[in-house]
Amino acid sequence: NYPRAEGSCSFGWQRRHRTAVGSVQVEIQDAHGRPQQGFSQADSSEQYGDKIDHRVSWTDGLDVSSFQGMPVRLRFVLKDADLYAFKFN
């Protein structure tokens, strides 16, 4: 379990095929689609397993409160997976 943060991003997803090892990564971009430093795909932990509440973390942690009040884009990178919900707060 990850510790609670002031702001966080969580999501639910499942593998597309039961025999596949699906995964998801999340990148935070500015309003123009540029990855934010410390929150790129390369900084994102790769999430495995079918769950309804994955908490996303990046190399520098999981606190996304620095984006409060700013327009951002979330880029989900799916490998043999289906995203069915996400929460960004």
PDB file of N, CA and C in Angstrom:
ATOM      1  N   ASN A   1       0.824  -1.192   0.000  1.00  0.00           N
ATOM      2  CA  ASN A   1       0.000   0.000   0.000  1.00  0.00           C
ATOM      3  C   ASN A   1       0.862   1.247   0.000  1.00  0.00           C
ATOM      4  N   TYR A   2       0.470   2.228  -0.805  1.00  0.00           N
ATOM      5  CA  TYR A   2       1.166   3.505  -0.834  1.00  0.00           C
ATOM      6  C   TYR A   2       0.558   4.422   0.221  1.00  0.00           C
ATOM      7  N   PRO A   3       1.341   5.285   0.807  1.00  0.00           N
ATOM      8  CA  PRO A   3       0.784   6.226   1.778  1.00  0.00           C
ATOM      9  C   PRO A   3      -0.123   7.234   1.083  1.00  0.00           C
ATOM     10  N   ARG A   4      -1.094   7.740   1.804  1.00  0.00           N
ATOM     11  CA  ARG A   4      -1.994   8.764   1.263  1.00  0.00           C
ATOM     12  C   ARG A   4      -1.216  10.053   1.033  1.00  0.00           C
ATOM     13  N   ALA A   5      -1.558  10.751  -0.041  1.00  0.00           N
ATOM     14  CA  ALA A   5      -0.905  12.019  -0.347  1.00  0.00           C
ATOM     15  C   ALA A   5      -1.966  13.097  -0.453  1.00  0.00           C
ATOM     16  N   GLU A   6      -1.555  14.333  -0.454  1.00  0.00           N
ATOM     17  CA  GLU A   6      -2.483  15.455  -0.575  1.00  0.00           C
ATOM     18  C   GLU A   6      -3.248  15.381  -1.881  1.00  0.00           C
ATOM     19  N   GLY A   7      -2.581  15.019  -2.947  1.00  0.00           N
ATOM     20  CA  GLY A   7      -3.223  14.822  -4.239  1.00  0.00           C
ATOM     21  C   GLY A   7      -2.710  13.521  -4.817  1.00  0.00           C
ATOM     22  N   SER A   8      -3.561  12.784  -5.507  1.00  0.00           N
ATOM     23  CA  SER A   8      -3.120  11.500  -6.037  1.00  0.00           C
ATOM     24  C   SER A   8      -3.914  11.140  -7.283  1.00  0.00           C
ATOM     25  N   CYS A   9      -3.465  10.113  -7.966  1.00  0.00           N
ATOM     26  CA  CYS A   9      -4.129   9.595  -9.149  1.00  0.00           C
ATOM     27  C   CYS A   9      -4.292   8.094  -8.946  1.00  0.00           C
ATOM     28  N   SER A  10      -5.498   7.581  -9.111  1.00  0.00           N
ATOM     29  CA  SER A  10      -5.713   6.150  -9.004  1.00  0.00           C
ATOM     30  C   SER A  10      -6.603   5.710 -10.157  1.00  0.00           C
ATOM     31  N   PHE A  11      -6.575   4.416 -10.475  1.00  0.00           N
ATOM     32  CA  PHE A  11      -7.356   3.928 -11.606  1.00  0.00           C
ATOM     33  C   PHE A  11      -7.700   2.465 -11.414  1.00  0.00           C
ATOM     34  N   GLY A  12      -8.693   2.017 -12.173  1.00  0.00           N
ATOM     35  CA  GLY A  12      -9.068   0.609 -12.216  1.00  0.00           C
ATOM     36  C   GLY A  12      -8.869   0.111 -13.626  1.00  0.00           C
ATOM     37  N   TRP A  13      -8.402  -1.112 -13.751  1.00  0.00           N
ATOM     38  CA  TRP A  13      -8.169  -1.677 -15.068  1.00  0.00           C
ATOM     39  C   TRP A  13      -8.126  -3.186 -14.957  1.00  0.00           C
ATOM     40  N   GLN A  14      -8.185  -3.856 -16.090  1.00  0.00           N
ATOM     41  CA  GLN A  14      -8.022  -5.300 -16.104  1.00  0.00           C
ATOM     42  C   GLN A  14      -7.278  -5.715 -17.354  1.00  0.00           C
ATOM     43  N   ARG A  15      -6.651  -6.875 -17.271  1.00  0.00           N
ATOM     44  CA  ARG A  15      -5.924  -7.396 -18.420  1.00  0.00           C
ATOM     45  C   ARG A  15      -6.907  -7.701 -19.539  1.00  0.00           C
ATOM     46  N   ARG A  16      -6.503  -7.466 -20.760  1.00  0.00           N
ATOM     47  CA  ARG A  16      -7.358  -7.727 -21.903  1.00  0.00           C
ATOM     48  C   ARG A  16      -7.563  -9.226 -22.094  1.00  0.00           C
ATOM     49  N   HIS A  17      -6.528 -10.008 -21.924  1.00  0.00           N
ATOM     50  CA  HIS A  17      -6.596 -11.461 -22.079  1.00  0.00           C
ATOM     51  C   HIS A  17      -6.090 -12.098 -20.794  1.00  0.00           C
ATOM     52  N   ARG A  18      -6.789 -13.048 -20.285  1.00  0.00           N
ATOM     53  CA  ARG A  18      -6.412 -13.671 -19.012  1.00  0.00           C
ATOM     54  C   ARG A  18      -5.023 -14.296 -19.066  1.00  0.00           C
ATOM     55  N   THR A  19      -4.554 -14.684 -20.244  1.00  0.00           N
ATOM     56  CA  THR A  19      -3.235 -15.299 -20.338  1.00  0.00           C
ATOM     57  C   THR A  19      -2.135 -14.267 -20.527  1.00  0.00           C
ATOM     58  N   ALA A  20      -2.506 -13.032 -20.785  1.00  0.00           N
ATOM     59  CA  ALA A  20      -1.519 -11.975 -21.007  1.00  0.00           C
ATOM     60  C   ALA A  20      -1.137 -11.314 -19.682  1.00  0.00           C
ATOM     61  N   VAL A  21       0.058 -10.786 -19.637  1.00  0.00           N
ATOM     62  CA  VAL A  21       0.496 -10.021 -18.475  1.00  0.00           C
ATOM     63  C   VAL A  21       0.319  -8.550 -18.843  1.00  0.00           C
ATOM     64  N   GLY A  22      -0.854  -8.002 -18.554  1.00  0.00           N
ATOM     65  CA  GLY A  22      -1.141  -6.620 -18.905  1.00  0.00           C
ATOM     66  C   GLY A  22      -0.537  -5.649 -17.916  1.00  0.00           C
ATOM     67  N   SER A  23      -0.323  -4.423 -18.378  1.00  0.00           N
ATOM     68  CA  SER A  23       0.217  -3.393 -17.499  1.00  0.00           C
ATOM     69  C   SER A  23      -0.269  -2.021 -17.924  1.00  0.00           C
ATOM     70  N   VAL A  24      -0.149  -1.064 -17.005  1.00  0.00           N
ATOM     71  CA  VAL A  24      -0.561   0.320 -17.252  1.00  0.00           C
ATOM     72  C   VAL A  24       0.482   1.254 -16.658  1.00  0.00           C
ATOM     73  N   GLN A  25       0.802   2.331 -17.388  1.00  0.00           N
ATOM     74  CA  GLN A  25       1.620   3.430 -16.878  1.00  0.00           C
ATOM     75  C   GLN A  25       0.858   4.720 -17.138  1.00  0.00           C
ATOM     76  N   VAL A  26       1.103   5.736 -16.314  1.00  0.00           N
ATOM     77  CA  VAL A  26       0.407   7.015 -16.443  1.00  0.00           C
ATOM     78  C   VAL A  26       1.427   8.144 -16.532  1.00  0.00           C
ATOM     79  N   GLU A  27       1.227   9.016 -17.507  1.00  0.00           N
ATOM     80  CA  GLU A  27       2.076  10.193 -17.686  1.00  0.00           C
ATOM     81  C   GLU A  27       1.206  11.438 -17.511  1.00  0.00           C
ATOM     82  N   ILE A  28       1.717  12.440 -16.817  1.00  0.00           N
ATOM     83  CA  ILE A  28       1.011  13.717 -16.683  1.00  0.00           C
ATOM     84  C   ILE A  28       1.646  14.705 -17.648  1.00  0.00           C
ATOM     85  N   GLN A  29       0.789  15.323 -18.469  1.00  0.00           N
ATOM     86  CA  GLN A  29       1.239  16.286 -19.471  1.00  0.00           C
ATOM     87  C   GLN A  29       0.608  17.637 -19.194  1.00  0.00           C
ATOM     88  N   ASP A  30       1.233  18.692 -19.710  1.00  0.00           N
ATOM     89  CA  ASP A  30       0.605  20.005 -19.616  1.00  0.00           C
ATOM     90  C   ASP A  30      -0.527  20.081 -20.643  1.00  0.00           C
ATOM     91  N   ALA A  31      -1.195  21.216 -20.721  1.00  0.00           N
ATOM     92  CA  ALA A  31      -2.341  21.370 -21.619  1.00  0.00           C
ATOM     93  C   ALA A  31      -1.967  21.224 -23.088  1.00  0.00           C
ATOM     94  N   HIS A  32      -0.678  21.326 -23.401  1.00  0.00           N
ATOM     95  CA  HIS A  32      -0.211  21.212 -24.786  1.00  0.00           C
ATOM     96  C   HIS A  32       0.348  19.832 -25.104  1.00  0.00           C
ATOM     97  N   GLY A  33       0.249  18.905 -24.161  1.00  0.00           N
ATOM     98  CA  GLY A  33       0.696  17.539 -24.395  1.00  0.00           C
ATOM     99  C   GLY A  33       2.160  17.272 -24.092  1.00  0.00           C
ATOM    100  N   ARG A  34       2.821  18.199 -23.405  1.00  0.00           N
ATOM    101  CA  ARG A  34       4.228  17.992 -23.043  1.00  0.00           C
ATOM    102  C   ARG A  34       4.317  17.309 -21.681  1.00  0.00           C
ATOM    103  N   PRO A  35       5.090  16.202 -21.580  1.00  0.00           N
ATOM    104  CA  PRO A  35       5.237  15.523 -20.287  1.00  0.00           C
ATOM    105  C   PRO A  35       5.824  16.466 -19.239  1.00  0.00           C
ATOM    106  N   GLN A  36       5.306  16.360 -18.018  1.00  0.00           N
ATOM    107  CA  GLN A  36       5.790  17.188 -16.925  1.00  0.00           C
ATOM    108  C   GLN A  36       6.984  16.509 -16.255  1.00  0.00           C
ATOM    109  N   GLN A  37       7.987  17.293 -15.923  1.00  0.00           N
ATOM    110  CA  GLN A  37       9.211  16.765 -15.328  1.00  0.00           C
ATOM    111  C   GLN A  37       8.884  15.955 -14.071  1.00  0.00           C
ATOM    112  N   GLY A  38       9.401  14.739 -14.019  1.00  0.00           N
ATOM    113  CA  GLY A  38       9.162  13.855 -12.888  1.00  0.00           C
ATOM    114  C   GLY A  38       7.892  13.044 -12.994  1.00  0.00           C
ATOM    115  N   PHE A  39       7.064  13.318 -14.028  1.00  0.00           N
ATOM    116  CA  PHE A  39       5.780  12.633 -14.180  1.00  0.00           C
ATOM    117  C   PHE A  39       5.606  12.064 -15.588  1.00  0.00           C
ATOM    118  N   SER A  40       6.717  11.783 -16.273  1.00  0.00           N
ATOM    119  CA  SER A  40       6.658  11.218 -17.626  1.00  0.00           C
ATOM    120  C   SER A  40       6.393   9.712 -17.555  1.00  0.00           C
ATOM    121  N   GLN A  41       6.192   9.095 -18.707  1.00  0.00           N
ATOM    122  CA  GLN A  41       6.015   7.644 -18.741  1.00  0.00           C
ATOM    123  C   GLN A  41       7.238   6.936 -18.156  1.00  0.00           C
ATOM    124  N   ALA A  42       8.423   7.447 -18.460  1.00  0.00           N
ATOM    125  CA  ALA A  42       9.648   6.838 -17.938  1.00  0.00           C
ATOM    126  C   ALA A  42       9.719   6.924 -16.412  1.00  0.00           C
ATOM    127  N   ASP A  43       9.077   7.921 -15.812  1.00  0.00           N
ATOM    128  CA  ASP A  43       9.070   8.097 -14.358  1.00  0.00           C
ATOM    129  C   ASP A  43       7.952   7.306 -13.675  1.00  0.00           C
ATOM    130  N   SER A  44       6.992   6.824 -14.449  1.00  0.00           N
ATOM    131  CA  SER A  44       5.817   6.139 -13.914  1.00  0.00           C
ATOM    132  C   SER A  44       6.117   4.689 -13.587  1.00  0.00           C
ATOM    133  N   SER A  45       5.632   4.239 -12.433  1.00  0.00           N
ATOM    134  CA  SER A  45       5.759   2.818 -12.109  1.00  0.00           C
ATOM    135  C   SER A  45       4.805   2.042 -13.011  1.00  0.00           C
ATOM    136  N   GLU A  46       5.225   0.859 -13.426  1.00  0.00           N
ATOM    137  CA  GLU A  46       4.370   0.022 -14.266  1.00  0.00           C
ATOM    138  C   GLU A  46       3.502  -0.825 -13.342  1.00  0.00           C
ATOM    139  N   GLN A  47       2.183  -0.729 -13.526  1.00  0.00           N
ATOM    140  CA  GLN A  47       1.224  -1.410 -12.662  1.00  0.00           C
ATOM    141  C   GLN A  47       0.788  -2.723 -13.311  1.00  0.00           C
ATOM    142  N   TYR A  48       0.786  -3.810 -12.541  1.00  0.00           N
ATOM    143  CA  TYR A  48       0.371  -5.128 -13.009  1.00  0.00           C
ATOM    144  C   TYR A  48      -0.770  -5.644 -12.137  1.00  0.00           C
ATOM    145  N   GLY A  49      -1.559  -6.540 -12.684  1.00  0.00           N
ATOM    146  CA  GLY A  49      -2.601  -7.207 -11.907  1.00  0.00           C
ATOM    147  C   GLY A  49      -3.947  -6.532 -12.030  1.00  0.00           C
ATOM    148  N   ASP A  50      -5.013  -7.323 -11.939  1.00  0.00           N
ATOM    149  CA  ASP A  50      -6.379  -6.809 -12.017  1.00  0.00           C
ATOM    150  C   ASP A  50      -6.784  -6.252 -10.657  1.00  0.00           C
ATOM    151  N   LYS A  51      -7.034  -4.966 -10.606  1.00  0.00           N
ATOM    152  CA  LYS A  51      -7.473  -4.316  -9.376  1.00  0.00           C
ATOM    153  C   LYS A  51      -8.412  -3.173  -9.740  1.00  0.00           C
ATOM    154  N   ILE A  52      -9.152  -2.710  -8.754  1.00  0.00           N
ATOM    155  CA  ILE A  52     -10.012  -1.560  -9.010  1.00  0.00           C
ATOM    156  C   ILE A  52      -9.451  -0.281  -8.408  1.00  0.00           C
ATOM    157  N   ASP A  53      -8.339  -0.376  -7.698  1.00  0.00           N
ATOM    158  CA  ASP A  53      -7.786   0.830  -7.082  1.00  0.00           C
ATOM    159  C   ASP A  53      -6.258   0.786  -7.071  1.00  0.00           C
ATOM    160  N   HIS A  54      -5.659   0.988  -8.221  1.00  0.00           N
ATOM    161  CA  HIS A  54      -4.204   1.116  -8.306  1.00  0.00           C
ATOM    162  C   HIS A  54      -3.856   2.565  -7.982  1.00  0.00           C
ATOM    163  N   ARG A  55      -2.886   2.778  -7.135  1.00  0.00           N
ATOM    164  CA  ARG A  55      -2.421   4.134  -6.867  1.00  0.00           C
ATOM    165  C   ARG A  55      -1.134   4.329  -7.657  1.00  0.00           C
ATOM    166  N   VAL A  56      -1.126   5.344  -8.488  1.00  0.00           N
ATOM    167  CA  VAL A  56       0.011   5.601  -9.375  1.00  0.00           C
ATOM    168  C   VAL A  56       1.133   6.273  -8.605  1.00  0.00           C
ATOM    169  N   SER A  57       2.362   5.858  -8.894  1.00  0.00           N
ATOM    170  CA  SER A  57       3.515   6.546  -8.326  1.00  0.00           C
ATOM    171  C   SER A  57       4.531   6.793  -9.432  1.00  0.00           C
ATOM    172  N   TRP A  58       5.313   7.807  -9.223  1.00  0.00           N
ATOM    173  CA  TRP A  58       6.370   8.167 -10.158  1.00  0.00           C
ATOM    174  C   TRP A  58       7.692   8.134  -9.406  1.00  0.00           C
ATOM    175  N   THR A  59       8.783   8.304 -10.102  1.00  0.00           N
ATOM    176  CA  THR A  59      10.109   8.251  -9.491  1.00  0.00           C
ATOM    177  C   THR A  59      10.204   9.156  -8.262  1.00  0.00           C
ATOM    178  N   ASP A  60       9.621  10.344  -8.334  1.00  0.00           N
ATOM    179  CA  ASP A  60       9.691  11.308  -7.233  1.00  0.00           C
ATOM    180  C   ASP A  60       8.562  11.148  -6.219  1.00  0.00           C
ATOM    181  N   GLY A  61       7.738  10.113  -6.332  1.00  0.00           N
ATOM    182  CA  GLY A  61       6.649   9.891  -5.387  1.00  0.00           C
ATOM    183  C   GLY A  61       5.299   9.852  -6.075  1.00  0.00           C
ATOM    184  N   LEU A  62       4.262  10.146  -5.295  1.00  0.00           N
ATOM    185  CA  LEU A  62       2.920  10.068  -5.859  1.00  0.00           C
ATOM    186  C   LEU A  62       2.093  11.330  -5.634  1.00  0.00           C
ATOM    187  N   ASP A  63       2.668  12.355  -5.054  1.00  0.00           N
ATOM    188  CA  ASP A  63       1.941  13.587  -4.766  1.00  0.00           C
ATOM    189  C   ASP A  63       1.772  14.425  -6.029  1.00  0.00           C
ATOM    190  N   VAL A  64       0.525  14.653  -6.428  1.00  0.00           N
ATOM    191  CA  VAL A  64       0.242  15.456  -7.625  1.00  0.00           C
ATOM    192  C   VAL A  64      -0.391  16.805  -7.267  1.00  0.00           C
ATOM    193  N   SER A  65      -0.293  17.192  -6.004  1.00  0.00           N
ATOM    194  CA  SER A  65      -0.936  18.435  -5.559  1.00  0.00           C
ATOM    195  C   SER A  65      -0.349  19.670  -6.237  1.00  0.00           C
ATOM    196  N   SER A  66       0.865  19.574  -6.786  1.00  0.00           N
ATOM    197  CA  SER A  66       1.458  20.727  -7.474  1.00  0.00           C
ATOM    198  C   SER A  66       0.685  21.095  -8.748  1.00  0.00           C
ATOM    199  N   PHE A  67      -0.184  20.199  -9.215  1.00  0.00           N
ATOM    200  CA  PHE A  67      -0.973  20.471 -10.424  1.00  0.00           C
ATOM    201  C   PHE A  67      -2.347  21.051 -10.111  1.00  0.00           C
ATOM    202  N   GLN A  68      -2.641  21.275  -8.839  1.00  0.00           N
ATOM    203  CA  GLN A  68      -3.944  21.802  -8.451  1.00  0.00           C
ATOM    204  C   GLN A  68      -4.221  23.127  -9.152  1.00  0.00           C
ATOM    205  N   GLY A  69      -5.378  23.225  -9.771  1.00  0.00           N
ATOM    206  CA  GLY A  69      -5.790  24.445 -10.463  1.00  0.00           C
ATOM    207  C   GLY A  69      -5.208  24.598 -11.852  1.00  0.00           C
ATOM    208  N   MET A  70      -4.400  23.652 -12.301  1.00  0.00           N
ATOM    209  CA  MET A  70      -3.784  23.720 -13.636  1.00  0.00           C
ATOM    210  C   MET A  70      -4.466  22.725 -14.574  1.00  0.00           C
ATOM    211  N   PRO A  71      -4.664  23.103 -15.841  1.00  0.00           N
ATOM    212  CA  PRO A  71      -5.162  22.107 -16.796  1.00  0.00           C
ATOM    213  C   PRO A  71      -4.049  21.124 -17.134  1.00  0.00           C
ATOM    214  N   VAL A  72      -4.336  19.841 -17.030  1.00  0.00           N
ATOM    215  CA  VAL A  72      -3.361  18.798 -17.357  1.00  0.00           C
ATOM    216  C   VAL A  72      -4.038  17.730 -18.208  1.00  0.00           C
ATOM    217  N   ARG A  73      -3.211  16.947 -18.877  1.00  0.00           N
ATOM    218  CA  ARG A  73      -3.665  15.770 -19.613  1.00  0.00           C
ATOM    219  C   ARG A  73      -3.051  14.555 -18.938  1.00  0.00           C
ATOM    220  N   LEU A  74      -3.812  13.477 -18.874  1.00  0.00           N
ATOM    221  CA  LEU A  74      -3.289  12.214 -18.388  1.00  0.00           C
ATOM    222  C   LEU A  74      -3.151  11.285 -19.592  1.00  0.00           C
ATOM    223  N   ARG A  75      -1.972  10.739 -19.766  1.00  0.00           N
ATOM    224  CA  ARG A  75      -1.728   9.790 -20.849  1.00  0.00           C
ATOM    225  C   ARG A  75      -1.566   8.404 -20.225  1.00  0.00           C
ATOM    226  N   PHE A  76      -2.483   7.501 -20.554  1.00  0.00           N
ATOM    227  CA  PHE A  76      -2.437   6.135 -20.058  1.00  0.00           C
ATOM    228  C   PHE A  76      -1.800   5.258 -21.124  1.00  0.00           C
ATOM    229  N   VAL A  77      -0.740   4.553 -20.774  1.00  0.00           N
ATOM    230  CA  VAL A  77      -0.048   3.653 -21.690  1.00  0.00           C
ATOM    231  C   VAL A  77      -0.436   2.235 -21.292  1.00  0.00           C
ATOM    232  N   LEU A  78      -1.241   1.587 -22.141  1.00  0.00           N
ATOM    233  CA  LEU A  78      -1.792   0.272 -21.841  1.00  0.00           C
ATOM    234  C   LEU A  78      -1.101  -0.800 -22.670  1.00  0.00           C
ATOM    235  N   LYS A  79      -0.711  -1.875 -22.026  1.00  0.00           N
ATOM    236  CA  LYS A  79      -0.166  -3.043 -22.714  1.00  0.00           C
ATOM    237  C   LYS A  79      -1.065  -4.220 -22.366  1.00  0.00           C
ATOM    238  N   ASP A  80      -1.830  -4.700 -23.352  1.00  0.00           N
ATOM    239  CA  ASP A  80      -2.777  -5.801 -23.127  1.00  0.00           C
ATOM    240  C   ASP A  80      -3.667  -5.538 -21.925  1.00  0.00           C
ATOM    241  N   ALA A  81      -4.234  -4.340 -21.864  1.00  0.00           N
ATOM    242  CA  ALA A  81      -5.072  -3.949 -20.734  1.00  0.00           C
ATOM    243  C   ALA A  81      -6.219  -3.065 -21.211  1.00  0.00           C
ATOM    244  N   ASP A  82      -7.265  -2.984 -20.424  1.00  0.00           N
ATOM    245  CA  ASP A  82      -8.415  -2.109 -20.663  1.00  0.00           C
ATOM    246  C   ASP A  82      -8.598  -1.225 -19.443  1.00  0.00           C
ATOM    247  N   LEU A  83      -8.650   0.073 -19.657  1.00  0.00           N
ATOM    248  CA  LEU A  83      -8.884   1.037 -18.573  1.00  0.00           C
ATOM    249  C   LEU A  83     -10.388   1.253 -18.482  1.00  0.00           C
ATOM    250  N   TYR A  84     -10.960   1.147 -17.293  1.00  0.00           N
ATOM    251  CA  TYR A  84     -12.386   1.379 -17.178  1.00  0.00           C
ATOM    252  C   TYR A  84     -12.756   2.507 -16.225  1.00  0.00           C
ATOM    253  N   ALA A  85     -11.830   3.054 -15.485  1.00  0.00           N
ATOM    254  CA  ALA A  85     -12.132   4.196 -14.626  1.00  0.00           C
ATOM    255  C   ALA A  85     -10.831   4.816 -14.134  1.00  0.00           C
ATOM    256  N   PHE A  86     -10.877   6.122 -13.827  1.00  0.00           N
ATOM    257  CA  PHE A  86      -9.742   6.755 -13.163  1.00  0.00           C
ATOM    258  C   PHE A  86     -10.238   7.908 -12.309  1.00  0.00           C
ATOM    259  N   LYS A  87      -9.441   8.248 -11.313  1.00  0.00           N
ATOM    260  CA  LYS A  87      -9.768   9.330 -10.385  1.00  0.00           C
ATOM    261  C   LYS A  87      -8.500  10.152 -10.198  1.00  0.00           C
ATOM    262  N   PHE A  88      -8.636  11.438 -10.342  1.00  0.00           N
ATOM    263  CA  PHE A  88      -7.500  12.343 -10.184  1.00  0.00           C
ATOM    264  C   PHE A  88      -7.889  13.409  -9.189  1.00  0.00           C
ATOM    265  N   ASN A  89      -7.275  13.378  -8.007  1.00  0.00           N
ATOM    266  CA  ASN A  89      -7.629  14.384  -6.999  1.00  0.00           C
ATOM    267  C   ASN A  89      -6.427  14.805  -6.212  1.00  0.00           C
TER     268      ASN A  89
END
